[in-house]
N, C-alpha and C. Protein backbone atom coordinates (compact mmCIF):
# COMPACT_ATOMS: atom_id res chain seq x y z
N MET A 1 73.96 -39.51 -14.99
CA MET A 1 73.08 -40.59 -14.31
C MET A 1 72.06 -39.94 -13.35
N LYS A 2 72.58 -38.96 -12.58
CA LYS A 2 71.67 -38.25 -11.72
C LYS A 2 70.55 -37.36 -12.55
N SER A 3 70.93 -36.85 -13.58
CA SER A 3 69.98 -36.00 -14.33
C SER A 3 68.92 -37.03 -15.02
N ALA A 4 69.42 -38.20 -15.30
CA ALA A 4 68.38 -39.22 -15.95
C ALA A 4 67.48 -39.74 -15.04
N LEU A 5 67.89 -39.86 -13.67
CA LEU A 5 67.04 -40.18 -12.46
C LEU A 5 66.11 -39.16 -12.17
N ILE A 6 66.50 -37.87 -12.28
CA ILE A 6 65.57 -36.91 -12.04
C ILE A 6 64.55 -36.77 -13.01
N THR A 7 65.01 -36.94 -14.38
CA THR A 7 63.98 -36.85 -15.44
C THR A 7 62.97 -38.01 -15.34
N LEU A 8 63.33 -39.23 -14.89
CA LEU A 8 62.47 -40.30 -14.71
C LEU A 8 61.42 -40.03 -13.57
N VAL A 9 61.96 -39.47 -12.40
CA VAL A 9 60.98 -39.24 -11.28
C VAL A 9 60.06 -38.25 -11.73
N ALA A 10 60.51 -37.12 -12.42
CA ALA A 10 59.54 -36.02 -12.89
C ALA A 10 58.51 -36.47 -13.95
N ALA A 11 58.91 -37.52 -14.84
CA ALA A 11 57.95 -38.03 -15.66
C ALA A 11 56.86 -38.95 -14.94
N ILE A 12 57.36 -39.66 -13.94
CA ILE A 12 56.37 -40.41 -13.06
C ILE A 12 55.47 -39.43 -12.31
N ILE A 13 55.88 -38.43 -11.84
CA ILE A 13 54.95 -37.44 -11.04
C ILE A 13 54.17 -36.80 -12.05
N LEU A 14 54.52 -36.39 -13.26
CA LEU A 14 53.70 -35.72 -14.22
C LEU A 14 52.57 -36.71 -14.67
N GLY A 15 53.00 -37.95 -14.93
CA GLY A 15 52.04 -38.98 -15.36
C GLY A 15 50.97 -39.27 -14.36
N GLY A 16 51.43 -39.35 -13.11
CA GLY A 16 50.44 -39.54 -11.98
C GLY A 16 49.48 -38.27 -11.90
N ALA A 17 50.04 -37.20 -11.93
CA ALA A 17 49.11 -35.99 -12.00
C ALA A 17 48.22 -35.96 -13.15
N GLY A 18 48.66 -36.34 -14.25
CA GLY A 18 47.64 -36.43 -15.48
C GLY A 18 46.63 -37.38 -15.35
N PHE A 19 47.03 -38.58 -14.77
CA PHE A 19 45.93 -39.52 -14.55
C PHE A 19 44.87 -39.23 -13.57
N TYR A 20 45.45 -38.53 -12.56
CA TYR A 20 44.52 -38.05 -11.47
C TYR A 20 43.50 -37.12 -12.05
N ALA A 21 44.09 -36.10 -12.87
CA ALA A 21 43.21 -35.08 -13.36
C ALA A 21 42.15 -35.66 -14.38
N TRP A 22 42.62 -36.68 -15.21
CA TRP A 22 41.81 -37.36 -16.08
C TRP A 22 40.51 -38.10 -15.27
N LYS A 23 40.93 -38.77 -14.15
CA LYS A 23 39.90 -39.43 -13.47
C LYS A 23 38.97 -38.33 -12.72
N ALA A 24 39.54 -37.31 -12.24
CA ALA A 24 38.73 -36.18 -11.63
C ALA A 24 37.72 -35.51 -12.48
N PHE A 25 38.02 -35.36 -13.83
CA PHE A 25 37.26 -34.53 -14.64
C PHE A 25 36.49 -35.43 -15.75
N SER A 26 36.74 -36.78 -15.64
CA SER A 26 35.88 -37.70 -16.53
C SER A 26 34.63 -37.99 -15.98
N PRO A 27 33.46 -37.80 -16.52
CA PRO A 27 32.34 -38.20 -16.09
C PRO A 27 32.12 -39.60 -15.70
N GLU A 28 31.62 -40.12 -14.49
CA GLU A 28 31.41 -41.42 -14.23
C GLU A 28 30.16 -41.96 -15.08
N PRO A 29 30.37 -43.22 -15.38
CA PRO A 29 29.12 -43.85 -16.11
C PRO A 29 27.90 -43.73 -15.31
N GLN A 30 26.87 -43.34 -15.95
CA GLN A 30 25.51 -43.17 -15.34
C GLN A 30 24.74 -44.46 -15.36
N PRO A 31 24.26 -44.89 -14.19
CA PRO A 31 23.29 -46.05 -14.26
C PRO A 31 21.95 -45.73 -14.95
N SER A 32 21.23 -46.80 -15.23
CA SER A 32 19.88 -46.54 -15.77
C SER A 32 18.95 -45.91 -14.78
N ALA A 33 18.34 -44.71 -15.43
CA ALA A 33 17.46 -44.00 -14.47
C ALA A 33 16.25 -44.83 -14.06
N PRO A 34 15.83 -44.97 -12.79
CA PRO A 34 14.80 -45.77 -12.19
C PRO A 34 13.41 -45.21 -12.78
N VAL A 35 12.44 -45.99 -12.93
CA VAL A 35 11.16 -45.66 -13.21
C VAL A 35 10.23 -45.56 -11.99
N VAL A 36 9.98 -44.40 -11.52
CA VAL A 36 9.33 -44.21 -10.22
C VAL A 36 7.81 -43.95 -10.62
N VAL A 37 6.97 -44.76 -10.06
CA VAL A 37 5.54 -44.53 -10.25
C VAL A 37 4.77 -44.61 -9.03
N GLU A 38 3.68 -43.97 -8.86
CA GLU A 38 2.83 -44.31 -7.65
C GLU A 38 2.07 -45.52 -7.67
N GLU A 39 2.08 -46.10 -6.52
CA GLU A 39 1.37 -47.34 -6.30
C GLU A 39 -0.12 -47.11 -6.35
N THR A 40 -0.63 -45.96 -5.94
CA THR A 40 -1.89 -45.63 -6.04
C THR A 40 -2.43 -45.70 -7.52
N ARG A 41 -3.63 -46.41 -7.63
CA ARG A 41 -4.15 -46.81 -8.99
C ARG A 41 -5.51 -46.01 -9.11
N ASN A 42 -5.53 -45.27 -10.27
CA ASN A 42 -6.87 -44.78 -10.75
C ASN A 42 -7.60 -45.66 -11.68
N THR A 43 -8.80 -45.59 -11.84
CA THR A 43 -9.63 -46.48 -12.64
C THR A 43 -10.11 -45.66 -13.91
N TYR A 44 -10.11 -46.04 -15.03
CA TYR A 44 -10.72 -45.42 -16.17
C TYR A 44 -11.56 -46.56 -16.64
N ALA A 45 -12.96 -46.13 -17.03
CA ALA A 45 -13.88 -47.14 -17.34
C ALA A 45 -14.83 -46.57 -18.49
N THR A 46 -15.15 -47.46 -19.38
CA THR A 46 -16.20 -47.21 -20.47
C THR A 46 -17.24 -48.13 -20.42
N SER A 47 -18.23 -48.30 -21.23
CA SER A 47 -19.30 -49.19 -21.37
C SER A 47 -18.83 -50.46 -21.65
N THR A 48 -17.41 -50.66 -22.29
CA THR A 48 -17.06 -51.89 -22.71
C THR A 48 -15.75 -52.37 -22.03
N TYR A 49 -15.02 -51.58 -21.28
CA TYR A 49 -13.96 -52.03 -20.53
C TYR A 49 -13.69 -51.10 -19.31
N SER A 50 -12.82 -51.56 -18.52
CA SER A 50 -12.20 -50.74 -17.40
C SER A 50 -10.72 -51.10 -17.30
N VAL A 51 -9.88 -50.05 -16.91
CA VAL A 51 -8.46 -50.29 -16.68
C VAL A 51 -7.96 -49.42 -15.53
N LYS A 52 -6.91 -49.94 -14.90
CA LYS A 52 -6.28 -49.16 -13.80
C LYS A 52 -4.92 -48.67 -14.20
N TYR A 53 -4.64 -47.53 -13.81
CA TYR A 53 -3.34 -46.93 -14.10
C TYR A 53 -2.75 -46.14 -12.98
N PRO A 54 -1.37 -45.92 -12.89
CA PRO A 54 -0.64 -45.43 -11.63
C PRO A 54 -1.25 -43.88 -11.48
N GLY A 55 -1.28 -43.58 -10.25
CA GLY A 55 -1.90 -42.28 -9.92
C GLY A 55 -1.19 -41.02 -10.53
N ASN A 56 0.08 -41.19 -10.74
CA ASN A 56 0.91 -40.03 -11.30
C ASN A 56 0.96 -40.02 -12.82
N PHE A 57 0.34 -40.95 -13.64
CA PHE A 57 0.28 -40.96 -14.93
C PHE A 57 -0.74 -39.86 -15.43
N ILE A 58 -0.49 -39.43 -16.57
CA ILE A 58 -1.36 -38.29 -17.20
C ILE A 58 -2.48 -38.96 -18.08
N LEU A 59 -3.78 -38.59 -17.63
CA LEU A 59 -4.91 -39.29 -18.65
C LEU A 59 -5.02 -38.39 -19.75
N ASN A 60 -5.09 -39.01 -20.88
CA ASN A 60 -5.42 -38.28 -22.19
C ASN A 60 -6.67 -39.02 -22.80
N ALA A 61 -7.77 -38.31 -22.54
CA ALA A 61 -9.01 -39.04 -22.99
C ALA A 61 -10.03 -37.90 -23.49
N PRO A 62 -10.53 -38.01 -24.74
CA PRO A 62 -10.31 -39.14 -25.63
C PRO A 62 -8.90 -38.92 -26.30
N PHE A 63 -8.44 -40.08 -26.83
CA PHE A 63 -7.17 -40.05 -27.43
C PHE A 63 -7.43 -40.71 -28.95
N ALA A 64 -6.73 -40.04 -29.73
CA ALA A 64 -6.89 -40.54 -31.21
C ALA A 64 -5.45 -40.81 -31.78
N TYR A 65 -5.14 -42.17 -32.03
CA TYR A 65 -3.84 -42.58 -32.67
C TYR A 65 -3.91 -42.25 -34.14
N GLY A 66 -2.96 -41.38 -34.55
CA GLY A 66 -3.08 -40.85 -35.90
C GLY A 66 -2.11 -41.39 -36.92
N ALA A 67 -1.41 -42.46 -36.64
CA ALA A 67 -0.32 -42.78 -37.62
C ALA A 67 -0.88 -43.28 -38.92
N PHE A 68 -2.14 -43.54 -38.97
CA PHE A 68 -2.70 -44.09 -40.25
C PHE A 68 -3.27 -42.80 -41.06
N GLY A 69 -3.14 -41.60 -40.56
CA GLY A 69 -3.58 -40.48 -41.21
C GLY A 69 -4.94 -39.94 -40.51
N PRO A 70 -5.18 -38.63 -40.93
CA PRO A 70 -6.30 -38.01 -40.24
C PRO A 70 -7.62 -38.48 -40.55
N LYS A 71 -7.83 -39.40 -41.64
CA LYS A 71 -9.03 -39.85 -42.07
C LYS A 71 -9.36 -41.30 -41.40
N LYS A 72 -8.24 -41.78 -40.75
CA LYS A 72 -8.34 -43.21 -40.23
C LYS A 72 -7.76 -43.35 -38.80
N PRO A 73 -8.33 -42.36 -38.00
CA PRO A 73 -7.62 -42.38 -36.54
C PRO A 73 -8.27 -43.61 -35.76
N ILE A 74 -7.56 -44.13 -34.82
CA ILE A 74 -8.04 -45.08 -33.95
C ILE A 74 -8.21 -44.43 -32.56
N TYR A 75 -9.49 -44.60 -31.90
CA TYR A 75 -9.91 -43.91 -30.85
C TYR A 75 -9.61 -44.76 -29.66
N GLY A 76 -9.30 -44.09 -28.55
CA GLY A 76 -9.24 -44.78 -27.30
C GLY A 76 -8.90 -43.85 -26.15
N VAL A 77 -8.03 -44.20 -25.19
CA VAL A 77 -7.55 -43.37 -24.03
C VAL A 77 -6.02 -43.78 -23.88
N LYS A 78 -5.34 -42.58 -23.54
CA LYS A 78 -3.98 -42.89 -23.26
C LYS A 78 -3.46 -42.55 -21.91
N PHE A 79 -2.48 -43.27 -21.36
CA PHE A 79 -2.01 -42.96 -20.06
C PHE A 79 -0.52 -42.56 -20.29
N ILE A 80 -0.11 -41.40 -20.16
CA ILE A 80 1.20 -40.89 -20.44
C ILE A 80 1.96 -40.81 -19.13
N ILE A 81 3.29 -41.21 -19.23
CA ILE A 81 4.26 -41.17 -18.18
C ILE A 81 4.41 -39.83 -17.53
N PRO A 82 4.49 -39.76 -16.21
CA PRO A 82 4.77 -38.39 -15.58
C PRO A 82 6.07 -37.88 -16.03
N SER A 83 6.22 -36.60 -16.33
CA SER A 83 7.51 -36.04 -16.84
C SER A 83 8.66 -36.37 -15.90
N THR A 84 8.48 -36.66 -14.66
CA THR A 84 9.53 -36.87 -13.78
C THR A 84 10.31 -38.20 -14.22
N VAL A 85 9.57 -39.16 -14.82
CA VAL A 85 10.11 -40.42 -15.31
C VAL A 85 11.23 -40.12 -16.44
N ALA A 86 10.84 -39.17 -17.22
CA ALA A 86 11.63 -38.87 -18.46
C ALA A 86 12.83 -37.84 -18.11
N THR A 87 12.58 -37.10 -17.17
CA THR A 87 13.67 -35.93 -16.91
C THR A 87 14.99 -36.52 -16.60
N GLY A 88 15.96 -36.04 -17.34
CA GLY A 88 17.30 -36.48 -17.03
C GLY A 88 17.66 -37.74 -17.80
N THR A 89 16.67 -38.30 -18.62
CA THR A 89 17.11 -39.49 -19.35
C THR A 89 16.88 -39.18 -20.89
N ASN A 90 17.10 -40.37 -21.65
CA ASN A 90 16.73 -40.34 -22.93
C ASN A 90 15.40 -40.72 -23.46
N LEU A 91 14.53 -41.04 -22.46
CA LEU A 91 13.10 -41.30 -22.60
C LEU A 91 12.39 -40.15 -22.92
N SER A 92 11.41 -40.01 -23.84
CA SER A 92 10.70 -38.77 -24.18
C SER A 92 9.34 -38.85 -23.36
N ALA A 93 8.80 -37.66 -23.09
CA ALA A 93 7.69 -37.64 -22.08
C ALA A 93 6.34 -37.93 -22.78
N ASP A 94 6.31 -38.15 -24.09
CA ASP A 94 5.12 -38.69 -24.65
C ASP A 94 4.94 -40.20 -24.67
N SER A 95 5.86 -40.90 -24.11
CA SER A 95 5.61 -42.31 -23.88
C SER A 95 4.50 -42.78 -23.12
N GLY A 96 3.86 -43.84 -23.30
CA GLY A 96 2.82 -44.24 -22.49
C GLY A 96 1.94 -45.51 -22.97
N VAL A 97 0.90 -45.79 -22.32
CA VAL A 97 0.09 -46.78 -22.76
C VAL A 97 -1.29 -46.42 -23.19
N SER A 98 -1.87 -46.85 -24.24
CA SER A 98 -3.07 -46.56 -24.67
C SER A 98 -3.96 -47.80 -24.74
N VAL A 99 -5.21 -47.60 -24.66
CA VAL A 99 -6.31 -48.61 -24.88
C VAL A 99 -7.04 -48.19 -26.09
N GLU A 100 -7.15 -49.01 -27.11
CA GLU A 100 -7.93 -48.49 -28.44
C GLU A 100 -8.69 -49.54 -28.85
N GLN A 101 -9.72 -49.08 -29.72
CA GLN A 101 -10.76 -50.10 -30.18
C GLN A 101 -10.96 -49.82 -31.78
N LEU A 102 -11.06 -50.87 -32.41
CA LEU A 102 -11.56 -50.98 -33.77
C LEU A 102 -12.81 -51.83 -33.92
N PRO A 103 -13.96 -51.06 -33.81
CA PRO A 103 -15.30 -51.72 -33.81
C PRO A 103 -15.60 -52.54 -35.01
N ARG A 104 -15.01 -52.16 -36.29
CA ARG A 104 -15.27 -52.90 -37.55
C ARG A 104 -14.42 -53.97 -37.86
N ALA A 105 -13.41 -54.35 -36.93
CA ALA A 105 -12.42 -55.30 -37.34
C ALA A 105 -13.02 -56.60 -37.34
N LYS A 106 -12.80 -57.50 -38.42
CA LYS A 106 -13.29 -58.76 -38.56
C LYS A 106 -12.54 -59.77 -37.78
N ASN A 107 -11.21 -59.63 -37.72
CA ASN A 107 -10.36 -60.35 -36.84
C ASN A 107 -9.54 -59.46 -36.01
N CYS A 108 -9.59 -59.74 -34.77
CA CYS A 108 -8.94 -58.88 -33.70
C CYS A 108 -7.45 -59.35 -33.65
N THR A 109 -6.64 -58.77 -34.34
CA THR A 109 -5.23 -59.07 -34.31
C THR A 109 -4.38 -57.84 -34.01
N GLY A 110 -3.21 -57.94 -33.40
CA GLY A 110 -2.26 -56.83 -33.12
C GLY A 110 -1.73 -56.10 -34.29
N ASP A 111 -1.56 -56.80 -35.45
CA ASP A 111 -0.96 -56.21 -36.60
C ASP A 111 -1.79 -55.10 -37.28
N ILE A 112 -3.16 -55.18 -37.06
CA ILE A 112 -4.11 -54.19 -37.64
C ILE A 112 -3.92 -52.83 -36.96
N TYR A 113 -3.15 -52.75 -35.89
CA TYR A 113 -3.12 -51.49 -35.14
C TYR A 113 -1.77 -50.86 -35.42
N LEU A 114 -0.97 -51.47 -36.35
CA LEU A 114 0.32 -50.79 -36.61
C LEU A 114 0.28 -50.53 -38.06
N LEU A 115 1.01 -49.40 -38.40
CA LEU A 115 1.18 -48.98 -39.79
C LEU A 115 2.16 -49.91 -40.53
N ALA A 116 3.30 -50.34 -39.77
CA ALA A 116 4.26 -51.12 -40.42
C ALA A 116 3.68 -52.48 -40.76
N SER A 117 4.30 -53.08 -41.78
CA SER A 117 3.92 -54.44 -42.19
C SER A 117 4.56 -55.49 -41.27
N VAL A 118 3.79 -55.95 -40.33
CA VAL A 118 4.31 -56.94 -39.32
C VAL A 118 3.31 -58.10 -39.26
N THR A 119 3.82 -59.08 -38.64
CA THR A 119 3.11 -60.42 -38.45
C THR A 119 2.69 -60.53 -36.96
N ALA A 120 1.54 -60.68 -36.76
CA ALA A 120 0.90 -60.97 -35.30
C ALA A 120 1.12 -62.39 -34.89
N TYR A 121 1.38 -62.61 -33.53
CA TYR A 121 1.23 -64.05 -33.10
C TYR A 121 0.64 -64.08 -31.76
N GLU A 122 0.28 -65.35 -31.59
CA GLU A 122 -0.61 -65.51 -30.28
C GLU A 122 0.33 -65.60 -28.97
N VAL A 123 -0.15 -64.84 -27.96
CA VAL A 123 0.55 -64.89 -26.58
C VAL A 123 -0.61 -65.24 -25.65
N ILE A 124 -0.37 -66.15 -24.78
CA ILE A 124 -1.35 -66.58 -23.76
C ILE A 124 -0.69 -66.15 -22.41
N GLU A 125 -1.25 -65.26 -21.65
CA GLU A 125 -0.70 -64.88 -20.31
C GLU A 125 -1.77 -64.90 -19.23
N ASN A 126 -1.52 -65.75 -18.32
CA ASN A 126 -2.43 -65.91 -17.12
C ASN A 126 -3.78 -66.08 -17.65
N GLY A 127 -3.94 -67.00 -18.66
CA GLY A 127 -5.36 -67.26 -19.16
C GLY A 127 -5.95 -66.39 -20.11
N THR A 128 -5.33 -65.27 -20.42
CA THR A 128 -5.69 -64.27 -21.45
C THR A 128 -5.11 -64.48 -22.71
N GLU A 129 -5.87 -64.61 -23.73
CA GLU A 129 -5.28 -64.75 -25.08
C GLU A 129 -5.05 -63.47 -25.76
N TYR A 130 -3.86 -63.09 -26.20
CA TYR A 130 -3.57 -61.91 -26.95
C TYR A 130 -3.04 -62.25 -28.29
N SER A 131 -3.29 -61.29 -29.23
CA SER A 131 -2.64 -61.23 -30.52
C SER A 131 -1.62 -60.16 -30.43
N PHE A 132 -0.32 -60.59 -30.56
CA PHE A 132 0.81 -59.58 -30.17
C PHE A 132 1.50 -59.14 -31.46
N ALA A 133 1.79 -57.88 -31.66
CA ALA A 133 2.49 -57.44 -32.78
C ALA A 133 3.35 -56.16 -32.34
N SER A 134 4.53 -55.97 -32.96
CA SER A 134 5.29 -54.97 -32.50
C SER A 134 6.07 -54.28 -33.77
N SER A 135 6.55 -53.12 -33.62
CA SER A 135 7.32 -52.34 -34.61
C SER A 135 8.29 -51.47 -34.06
N THR A 136 9.31 -51.09 -34.82
CA THR A 136 10.35 -50.20 -34.25
C THR A 136 10.64 -49.23 -35.41
N GLY A 137 11.06 -48.01 -35.19
CA GLY A 137 11.38 -47.13 -36.22
C GLY A 137 12.29 -46.10 -35.74
N ALA A 138 13.01 -45.33 -36.61
CA ALA A 138 13.91 -44.32 -36.23
C ALA A 138 13.88 -43.16 -37.06
N ALA A 139 14.09 -42.00 -36.57
CA ALA A 139 14.24 -40.73 -37.44
C ALA A 139 14.76 -39.59 -36.75
N ALA A 140 15.82 -38.98 -37.33
CA ALA A 140 16.56 -37.88 -36.83
C ALA A 140 16.92 -38.04 -35.18
N GLY A 141 17.53 -39.20 -35.01
CA GLY A 141 18.02 -39.45 -33.65
C GLY A 141 16.96 -39.82 -32.67
N ASN A 142 15.78 -40.05 -33.08
CA ASN A 142 14.55 -40.44 -32.31
C ASN A 142 14.33 -41.97 -32.68
N LEU A 143 13.99 -42.69 -31.55
CA LEU A 143 13.61 -44.13 -31.61
C LEU A 143 12.24 -44.27 -31.30
N TYR A 144 11.49 -45.07 -31.97
CA TYR A 144 10.06 -45.29 -31.68
C TYR A 144 9.89 -46.83 -31.61
N GLU A 145 9.19 -47.17 -30.45
CA GLU A 145 8.94 -48.57 -30.40
C GLU A 145 7.50 -48.74 -29.97
N GLU A 146 6.66 -49.64 -30.73
CA GLU A 146 5.32 -49.87 -30.45
C GLU A 146 5.11 -51.43 -30.15
N GLN A 147 4.43 -51.66 -29.15
CA GLN A 147 3.99 -53.08 -28.91
C GLN A 147 2.49 -53.05 -28.66
N VAL A 148 1.83 -54.01 -29.44
CA VAL A 148 0.38 -53.99 -29.32
C VAL A 148 -0.12 -55.41 -29.02
N TYR A 149 -0.92 -55.45 -27.77
CA TYR A 149 -1.60 -56.59 -27.30
C TYR A 149 -3.03 -56.47 -27.53
N ALA A 150 -3.54 -57.15 -28.68
CA ALA A 150 -5.03 -57.03 -28.88
C ALA A 150 -5.62 -58.23 -28.25
N LEU A 151 -6.73 -58.00 -27.61
CA LEU A 151 -7.56 -59.17 -26.94
C LEU A 151 -8.28 -59.88 -28.06
N ALA A 152 -7.70 -61.05 -28.29
CA ALA A 152 -8.16 -61.76 -29.44
C ALA A 152 -9.66 -62.01 -29.57
N THR A 153 -10.28 -62.16 -28.47
CA THR A 153 -11.78 -62.57 -28.48
C THR A 153 -12.62 -61.40 -28.11
N SER A 154 -12.10 -60.22 -27.99
CA SER A 154 -12.91 -59.13 -27.56
C SER A 154 -13.77 -58.57 -28.69
N SER A 155 -14.94 -57.99 -28.32
CA SER A 155 -15.79 -57.25 -29.35
C SER A 155 -16.47 -56.15 -28.59
N PRO A 156 -16.22 -54.91 -29.09
CA PRO A 156 -15.31 -54.55 -30.24
C PRO A 156 -13.96 -54.99 -29.91
N CYS A 157 -13.24 -55.10 -31.03
CA CYS A 157 -11.72 -55.44 -30.93
C CYS A 157 -11.08 -54.48 -30.18
N THR A 158 -10.46 -54.84 -29.04
CA THR A 158 -9.82 -53.90 -28.10
C THR A 158 -8.29 -54.29 -27.92
N ALA A 159 -7.41 -53.35 -27.86
CA ALA A 159 -6.01 -53.45 -27.86
C ALA A 159 -5.31 -52.58 -26.94
N VAL A 160 -4.21 -53.11 -26.35
CA VAL A 160 -3.33 -52.17 -25.47
C VAL A 160 -2.11 -51.91 -26.29
N ARG A 161 -1.79 -50.55 -26.39
CA ARG A 161 -0.59 -50.27 -27.19
C ARG A 161 0.41 -49.64 -26.27
N TYR A 162 1.78 -50.18 -26.22
CA TYR A 162 2.85 -49.55 -25.63
C TYR A 162 3.57 -48.56 -26.69
N PHE A 163 3.78 -47.28 -26.22
CA PHE A 163 4.51 -46.39 -27.15
C PHE A 163 5.65 -45.90 -26.40
N ILE A 164 6.79 -46.26 -26.88
CA ILE A 164 8.03 -45.83 -26.21
C ILE A 164 8.95 -45.09 -27.09
N HIS A 165 8.98 -43.74 -26.89
CA HIS A 165 9.66 -42.92 -27.64
C HIS A 165 11.05 -42.42 -26.95
N SER A 166 12.05 -42.60 -27.51
CA SER A 166 13.38 -42.34 -26.82
C SER A 166 14.19 -41.67 -27.79
N THR A 167 15.38 -41.21 -27.46
CA THR A 167 16.43 -40.64 -28.31
C THR A 167 17.71 -41.50 -28.10
N ASN A 168 18.53 -41.40 -29.12
CA ASN A 168 19.88 -42.14 -29.09
C ASN A 168 20.77 -41.75 -28.07
N ILE A 169 21.01 -42.50 -27.16
CA ILE A 169 21.85 -42.22 -25.97
C ILE A 169 23.17 -41.83 -26.44
N GLY A 170 23.72 -42.51 -27.55
CA GLY A 170 24.97 -42.22 -28.12
C GLY A 170 25.05 -40.58 -28.72
N ASN A 171 24.07 -40.06 -28.88
CA ASN A 171 24.13 -38.68 -29.38
C ASN A 171 24.42 -37.64 -28.35
N TYR A 172 24.42 -37.89 -27.13
CA TYR A 172 24.81 -37.09 -26.06
C TYR A 172 26.20 -37.11 -25.51
N PRO A 173 26.59 -35.96 -25.00
CA PRO A 173 27.97 -35.90 -24.40
C PRO A 173 27.81 -36.96 -23.23
N ALA A 174 29.10 -37.67 -22.92
CA ALA A 174 29.04 -38.58 -21.81
C ALA A 174 28.64 -38.12 -20.52
N GLY A 175 27.72 -38.68 -19.87
CA GLY A 175 27.28 -38.27 -18.52
C GLY A 175 26.22 -37.13 -18.50
N MET A 176 25.74 -36.75 -19.69
CA MET A 176 24.72 -35.69 -19.76
C MET A 176 23.36 -36.14 -19.45
N VAL A 177 23.00 -37.39 -19.93
CA VAL A 177 21.82 -37.93 -19.65
C VAL A 177 22.00 -39.38 -19.27
N ARG A 178 20.98 -39.99 -18.52
CA ARG A 178 21.03 -41.42 -18.24
C ARG A 178 20.15 -42.20 -19.12
N GLU A 179 20.49 -43.36 -19.41
CA GLU A 179 19.66 -44.28 -20.19
C GLU A 179 18.38 -44.72 -19.38
N PHE A 180 17.19 -44.64 -19.89
CA PHE A 180 15.97 -45.02 -19.10
C PHE A 180 16.01 -46.59 -18.79
N ASP A 181 15.37 -46.83 -17.68
CA ASP A 181 15.38 -48.24 -17.42
C ASP A 181 14.13 -48.85 -18.11
N ARG A 182 14.54 -49.66 -19.36
CA ARG A 182 13.47 -50.08 -20.10
C ARG A 182 12.68 -51.21 -19.47
N ALA A 183 13.33 -52.06 -18.76
CA ALA A 183 12.70 -53.20 -18.02
C ALA A 183 11.76 -52.79 -17.12
N ALA A 184 12.10 -51.66 -16.31
CA ALA A 184 11.12 -51.26 -15.29
C ALA A 184 9.93 -50.58 -16.00
N LEU A 185 10.12 -49.85 -17.03
CA LEU A 185 9.18 -49.16 -17.79
C LEU A 185 8.24 -50.19 -18.32
N LEU A 186 8.61 -51.35 -19.04
CA LEU A 186 7.69 -52.35 -19.49
C LEU A 186 7.07 -52.98 -18.36
N SER A 187 7.60 -53.21 -17.13
CA SER A 187 6.93 -53.88 -16.09
C SER A 187 5.76 -52.97 -15.57
N THR A 188 6.04 -51.65 -15.59
CA THR A 188 4.89 -50.68 -15.37
C THR A 188 3.66 -50.75 -16.34
N PHE A 189 4.04 -50.80 -17.70
CA PHE A 189 3.12 -50.88 -18.73
C PHE A 189 2.35 -52.24 -18.58
N ASP A 190 3.21 -53.32 -18.38
CA ASP A 190 2.58 -54.64 -18.13
C ASP A 190 1.40 -54.48 -17.12
N LYS A 191 1.56 -54.02 -15.94
CA LYS A 191 0.64 -53.86 -14.93
C LYS A 191 -0.57 -53.14 -15.38
N ILE A 192 -0.36 -52.13 -16.22
CA ILE A 192 -1.65 -51.50 -16.74
C ILE A 192 -2.37 -52.49 -17.61
N ARG A 193 -1.64 -53.13 -18.58
CA ARG A 193 -2.34 -53.98 -19.44
C ARG A 193 -3.12 -55.25 -18.63
N GLN A 194 -2.39 -55.69 -17.69
CA GLN A 194 -2.99 -56.79 -16.90
C GLN A 194 -4.22 -56.36 -16.19
N SER A 195 -4.47 -55.14 -15.85
CA SER A 195 -5.58 -54.66 -15.09
C SER A 195 -6.84 -54.44 -16.10
N LEU A 196 -6.66 -54.54 -17.34
CA LEU A 196 -7.82 -54.24 -18.21
C LEU A 196 -8.81 -55.42 -18.11
N VAL A 197 -9.96 -55.02 -18.05
CA VAL A 197 -11.18 -55.99 -17.91
C VAL A 197 -12.13 -55.53 -19.09
N SER A 198 -12.36 -56.42 -19.97
CA SER A 198 -13.01 -56.23 -21.29
C SER A 198 -14.35 -56.85 -21.11
N GLY A 199 -15.27 -56.43 -21.99
CA GLY A 199 -16.67 -57.04 -22.11
C GLY A 199 -17.63 -56.82 -21.02
N MET A 200 -17.41 -55.52 -20.52
CA MET A 200 -18.24 -55.10 -19.43
C MET A 200 -19.76 -54.92 -19.93
């Protein structure tokens, strides 16, 4: 009887120690990484539009979107997220917002800016009419999301592209990286798009 009691107490102690060790060495779930951008706004302007972007974003001008191949680039300007936004997360540092133009477009719709076969639809926001289209893709653990807001009545046809490149969070050991804050990133991108003034 006494030996059975000793065995039971030992099992309880060992079980408690094992649970403590598991808790101590198991990584805590990581919250979404915040998107920190400067409130300071820089202005980029051409003869046909102007747009404002956060002061810590990287300006890439001129920019050529090359998904259609080297013979059919779409030209514009890109505002790339600061590396600090991507560091420690599954977001890639080439993500950003671009303003692009297709001067020969007969109809200014979002789908003509995407290689994927997608359908554009009308979006009206704060009195501005957009033709919106989006596509997603994946390759070798990378995820690619594009959202295009074409200014339906602009001439030349002007569009804002969101490019979000991330990696599959499930491919990392637990706790190694944090999932990026997609909602905050889209909110930042929205502010850039909403600052666009076309038809200057």
